[in-house]
Amino acid sequence: MDETIKLHFSNEIFKLVLLFLIITSLLRIIFYAENTLVILKIVAAMFWLLILPGYCITRMWGAECSFFERVSIAIPVSIAVIGISAYYLGLVGINLKILAVALPALIIFGINRAAAKANYLNCRKKIHRYANLLFE
């Protein structure tokens, strides 16, 4: 992988971790009487259900947005995608306890696989284009 891409992703992961710590600190101040583990569970569930799936989907769009724009768009996108998916999978008969854990993981995994396949196909098109130019 290119060094600029690695630097960009490590920067975004750092921003996500920093956002996690800021939300944890704010909730710790607001709910000062609660146990720290309870607050960590709440923030982890918020990130797992509300931020990460939508963030991966908005990364797939590839729009040039700042980090905070992407996170603010990710929350409603995640609510919509997980809500609609959970509704229809619930109609099929899948338990909600399973969906709360598995559905965000499936969305994140599916988006990453789709991005990898799109990148692979894009690379193949470039290789074919360069090969055609080389042998013409």
C-alpha atoms as a PDB file:
ATOM      1  CA  MET A   1       0.000   0.000   0.000  1.00  0.00           C
ATOM      2  CA  ASP A   2       1.182   3.514  -0.722  1.00  0.00           C
ATOM      3  CA  GLU A   3       2.647   5.457   2.213  1.00  0.00           C
ATOM      4  CA  THR A   4       0.209   8.357   1.771  1.00  0.00           C
ATOM      5  CA  ILE A   5      -2.751   5.973   1.970  1.00  0.00           C
ATOM      6  CA  LYS A   6      -1.338   4.371   5.130  1.00  0.00           C
ATOM      7  CA  LEU A   7      -0.797   7.804   6.662  1.00  0.00           C
ATOM      8  CA  HIS A   8      -4.329   8.888   5.735  1.00  0.00           C
ATOM      9  CA  PHE A   9      -5.957   5.793   7.271  1.00  0.00           C
ATOM     10  CA  SER A  10      -3.837   5.975  10.417  1.00  0.00           C
ATOM     11  CA  ASN A  11      -4.847   9.633  10.748  1.00  0.00           C
ATOM     12  CA  GLU A  12      -8.536   8.730  10.425  1.00  0.00           C
ATOM     13  CA  ILE A  13      -8.227   5.892  12.941  1.00  0.00           C
ATOM     14  CA  PHE A  14      -6.533   8.306  15.325  1.00  0.00           C
ATOM     15  CA  LYS A  15      -9.432  10.768  14.873  1.00  0.00           C
ATOM     16  CA  LEU A  16     -11.998   8.010  15.521  1.00  0.00           C
ATOM     17  CA  VAL A  17     -10.195   6.965  18.717  1.00  0.00           C
ATOM     18  CA  LEU A  18      -9.984  10.602  19.790  1.00  0.00           C
ATOM     19  CA  LEU A  19     -13.721  11.026  19.147  1.00  0.00           C
ATOM     20  CA  PHE A  20     -14.379   7.901  21.206  1.00  0.00           C
ATOM     21  CA  LEU A  21     -12.344   9.324  24.097  1.00  0.00           C
ATOM     22  CA  ILE A  22     -14.032  12.735  23.884  1.00  0.00           C
ATOM     23  CA  ILE A  23     -17.527  11.196  23.947  1.00  0.00           C
ATOM     24  CA  THR A  24     -16.477   8.940  26.832  1.00  0.00           C
ATOM     25  CA  SER A  25     -15.148  11.931  28.771  1.00  0.00           C
ATOM     26  CA  LEU A  26     -18.292  13.970  28.148  1.00  0.00           C
ATOM     27  CA  LEU A  27     -20.560  11.150  29.243  1.00  0.00           C
ATOM     28  CA  ARG A  28     -18.347  10.555  32.271  1.00  0.00           C
ATOM     29  CA  ILE A  29     -18.827  14.205  33.271  1.00  0.00           C
ATOM     30  CA  ILE A  30     -22.580  14.131  32.638  1.00  0.00           C
ATOM     31  CA  PHE A  31     -23.172  10.802  34.383  1.00  0.00           C
ATOM     32  CA  TYR A  32     -20.648  11.243  37.195  1.00  0.00           C
ATOM     33  CA  ALA A  33     -22.476   8.841  39.501  1.00  0.00           C
ATOM     34  CA  GLU A  34     -22.298   5.932  37.059  1.00  0.00           C
ATOM     35  CA  ASN A  35     -19.594   3.324  36.882  1.00  0.00           C
ATOM     36  CA  THR A  36     -16.900   3.890  34.235  1.00  0.00           C
ATOM     37  CA  LEU A  37     -17.488   0.464  32.672  1.00  0.00           C
ATOM     38  CA  VAL A  38     -21.162   1.270  32.144  1.00  0.00           C
ATOM     39  CA  ILE A  39     -20.210   4.475  30.334  1.00  0.00           C
ATOM     40  CA  LEU A  40     -17.651   2.611  28.217  1.00  0.00           C
ATOM     41  CA  LYS A  41     -20.318   0.057  27.255  1.00  0.00           C
ATOM     42  CA  ILE A  42     -22.689   2.849  26.234  1.00  0.00           C
ATOM     43  CA  VAL A  43     -20.073   4.632  24.140  1.00  0.00           C
ATOM     44  CA  ALA A  44     -18.895   1.370  22.556  1.00  0.00           C
ATOM     45  CA  ALA A  45     -22.494   0.498  21.645  1.00  0.00           C
ATOM     46  CA  MET A  46     -23.014   3.990  20.198  1.00  0.00           C
ATOM     47  CA  PHE A  47     -19.912   3.643  18.077  1.00  0.00           C
ATOM     48  CA  TRP A  48     -20.736   0.093  17.005  1.00  0.00           C
ATOM     49  CA  LEU A  49     -24.332   0.824  16.013  1.00  0.00           C
ATOM     50  CA  LEU A  50     -24.383   4.510  15.100  1.00  0.00           C
ATOM     51  CA  ILE A  51     -20.990   5.630  13.845  1.00  0.00           C
ATOM     52  CA  LEU A  52     -18.857   2.825  12.387  1.00  0.00           C
ATOM     53  CA  PRO A  53     -21.307   1.355   9.807  1.00  0.00           C
ATOM     54  CA  GLY A  54     -22.293   4.774   8.496  1.00  0.00           C
ATOM     55  CA  TYR A  55     -18.675   5.914   8.522  1.00  0.00           C
ATOM     56  CA  CYS A  56     -17.665   2.944   6.367  1.00  0.00           C
ATOM     57  CA  ILE A  57     -20.553   3.625   3.993  1.00  0.00           C
ATOM     58  CA  THR A  58     -19.590   7.293   3.633  1.00  0.00           C
ATOM     59  CA  ARG A  59     -15.968   6.256   3.056  1.00  0.00           C
ATOM     60  CA  MET A  60     -17.231   4.076   0.219  1.00  0.00           C
ATOM     61  CA  TRP A  61     -18.882   7.093  -1.412  1.00  0.00           C
ATOM     62  CA  GLY A  62     -15.450   8.684  -1.595  1.00  0.00           C
ATOM     63  CA  ALA A  63     -16.717  12.236  -1.288  1.00  0.00           C
ATOM     64  CA  GLU A  64     -14.214  14.854  -0.260  1.00  0.00           C
ATOM     65  CA  CYS A  65     -15.501  15.648   3.227  1.00  0.00           C
ATOM     66  CA  SER A  66     -13.806  16.612   6.418  1.00  0.00           C
ATOM     67  CA  PHE A  67     -13.764  14.133   9.272  1.00  0.00           C
ATOM     68  CA  PHE A  68     -16.539  15.860  11.220  1.00  0.00           C
ATOM     69  CA  GLU A  69     -18.747  16.166   8.146  1.00  0.00           C
ATOM     70  CA  ARG A  70     -18.259  12.448   7.500  1.00  0.00           C
ATOM     71  CA  VAL A  71     -19.139  11.542  11.112  1.00  0.00           C
ATOM     72  CA  SER A  72     -22.188  13.813  11.128  1.00  0.00           C
ATOM     73  CA  ILE A  73     -23.413  12.224   7.887  1.00  0.00           C
ATOM     74  CA  ALA A  74     -22.517   8.731   9.138  1.00  0.00           C
ATOM     75  CA  ILE A  75     -24.925   8.813  12.078  1.00  0.00           C
ATOM     76  CA  PRO A  76     -28.179   9.233  10.073  1.00  0.00           C
ATOM     77  CA  VAL A  77     -26.916   6.908   7.320  1.00  0.00           C
ATOM     78  CA  SER A  78     -26.132   4.253   9.909  1.00  0.00           C
ATOM     79  CA  ILE A  79     -29.498   4.689  11.615  1.00  0.00           C
ATOM     80  CA  ALA A  80     -31.279   4.311   8.273  1.00  0.00           C
ATOM     81  CA  VAL A  81     -29.315   1.313   7.014  1.00  0.00           C
ATOM     82  CA  ILE A  82     -29.329  -0.597  10.292  1.00  0.00           C
ATOM     83  CA  GLY A  83     -32.957   0.263  11.007  1.00  0.00           C
ATOM     84  CA  ILE A  84     -34.239  -0.870   7.633  1.00  0.00           C
ATOM     85  CA  SER A  85     -32.007  -3.958   7.564  1.00  0.00           C
ATOM     86  CA  ALA A  86     -32.980  -4.969  11.101  1.00  0.00           C
ATOM     87  CA  TYR A  87     -36.668  -4.542  10.281  1.00  0.00           C
ATOM     88  CA  TYR A  88     -36.579  -6.795   7.237  1.00  0.00           C
ATOM     89  CA  LEU A  89     -34.279  -9.352   8.848  1.00  0.00           C
ATOM     90  CA  GLY A  90     -36.626  -9.369  11.850  1.00  0.00           C
ATOM     91  CA  LEU A  91     -39.503 -10.169   9.507  1.00  0.00           C
ATOM     92  CA  VAL A  92     -37.504 -13.147   8.277  1.00  0.00           C
ATOM     93  CA  GLY A  93     -37.230 -14.320  11.887  1.00  0.00           C
ATOM     94  CA  ILE A  94     -33.716 -13.402  12.975  1.00  0.00           C
ATOM     95  CA  ASN A  95     -33.473 -12.459  16.647  1.00  0.00           C
ATOM     96  CA  LEU A  96     -32.773  -8.823  17.524  1.00  0.00           C
ATOM     97  CA  LYS A  97     -29.983  -9.789  19.937  1.00  0.00           C
ATOM     98  CA  ILE A  98     -28.086 -11.359  17.067  1.00  0.00           C
ATOM     99  CA  LEU A  99     -28.760  -8.395  14.780  1.00  0.00           C
ATOM    100  CA  ALA A 100     -27.368  -5.846  17.249  1.00  0.00           C
ATOM    101  CA  VAL A 101     -23.986  -7.551  17.109  1.00  0.00           C
ATOM    102  CA  ALA A 102     -23.877  -9.119  13.671  1.00  0.00           C
ATOM    103  CA  LEU A 103     -25.529  -6.487  11.471  1.00  0.00           C
ATOM    104  CA  PRO A 104     -22.930  -3.710  11.940  1.00  0.00           C
ATOM    105  CA  ALA A 105     -20.166  -6.278  11.455  1.00  0.00           C
ATOM    106  CA  LEU A 106     -21.795  -7.512   8.237  1.00  0.00           C
ATOM    107  CA  ILE A 107     -22.200  -3.956   6.952  1.00  0.00           C
ATOM    108  CA  ILE A 108     -18.592  -3.028   7.744  1.00  0.00           C
ATOM    109  CA  PHE A 109     -17.269  -6.272   6.254  1.00  0.00           C
ATOM    110  CA  GLY A 110     -19.469  -5.962   3.162  1.00  0.00           C
ATOM    111  CA  ILE A 111     -18.459  -2.364   2.520  1.00  0.00           C
ATOM    112  CA  ASN A 112     -14.774  -3.204   2.918  1.00  0.00           C
ATOM    113  CA  ARG A 113     -15.117  -6.176   0.533  1.00  0.00           C
ATOM    114  CA  ALA A 114     -16.964  -4.012  -2.003  1.00  0.00           C
ATOM    115  CA  ALA A 115     -14.274  -1.332  -1.752  1.00  0.00           C
ATOM    116  CA  ALA A 116     -11.537  -3.922  -2.175  1.00  0.00           C
ATOM    117  CA  LYS A 117     -13.293  -5.413  -5.209  1.00  0.00           C
ATOM    118  CA  ALA A 118     -13.823  -1.952  -6.735  1.00  0.00           C
ATOM    119  CA  ASN A 119     -10.155  -1.158  -6.157  1.00  0.00           C
ATOM    120  CA  TYR A 120      -9.169  -4.502  -7.702  1.00  0.00           C
ATOM    121  CA  LEU A 121     -11.347  -3.907 -10.758  1.00  0.00           C
ATOM    122  CA  ASN A 122     -10.036  -0.362 -11.098  1.00  0.00           C
ATOM    123  CA  CYS A 123      -6.457  -1.668 -10.980  1.00  0.00           C
ATOM    124  CA  ARG A 124      -7.258  -4.308 -13.621  1.00  0.00           C
ATOM    125  CA  LYS A 125      -8.725  -1.643 -15.909  1.00  0.00           C
ATOM    126  CA  LYS A 126      -5.575   0.442 -15.516  1.00  0.00           C
ATOM    127  CA  ILE A 127      -3.365  -2.568 -16.250  1.00  0.00           C
ATOM    128  CA  HIS A 128      -5.362  -3.417 -19.380  1.00  0.00           C
ATOM    129  CA  ARG A 129      -5.274   0.206 -20.508  1.00  0.00           C
ATOM    130  CA  TYR A 130      -1.496   0.399 -20.025  1.00  0.00           C
ATOM    131  CA  ALA A 131      -1.003  -2.969 -21.719  1.00  0.00           C
ATOM    132  CA  ASN A 132      -3.055  -1.812 -24.696  1.00  0.00           C
ATOM    133  CA  LEU A 133      -1.017   1.380 -24.918  1.00  0.00           C
ATOM    134  CA  LEU A 134       2.202  -0.583 -24.643  1.00  0.00           C
ATOM    135  CA  PHE A 135       1.380  -3.074 -27.390  1.00  0.00           C
ATOM    136  CA  GLU A 136      -0.261  -0.686 -29.855  1.00  0.00           C
END
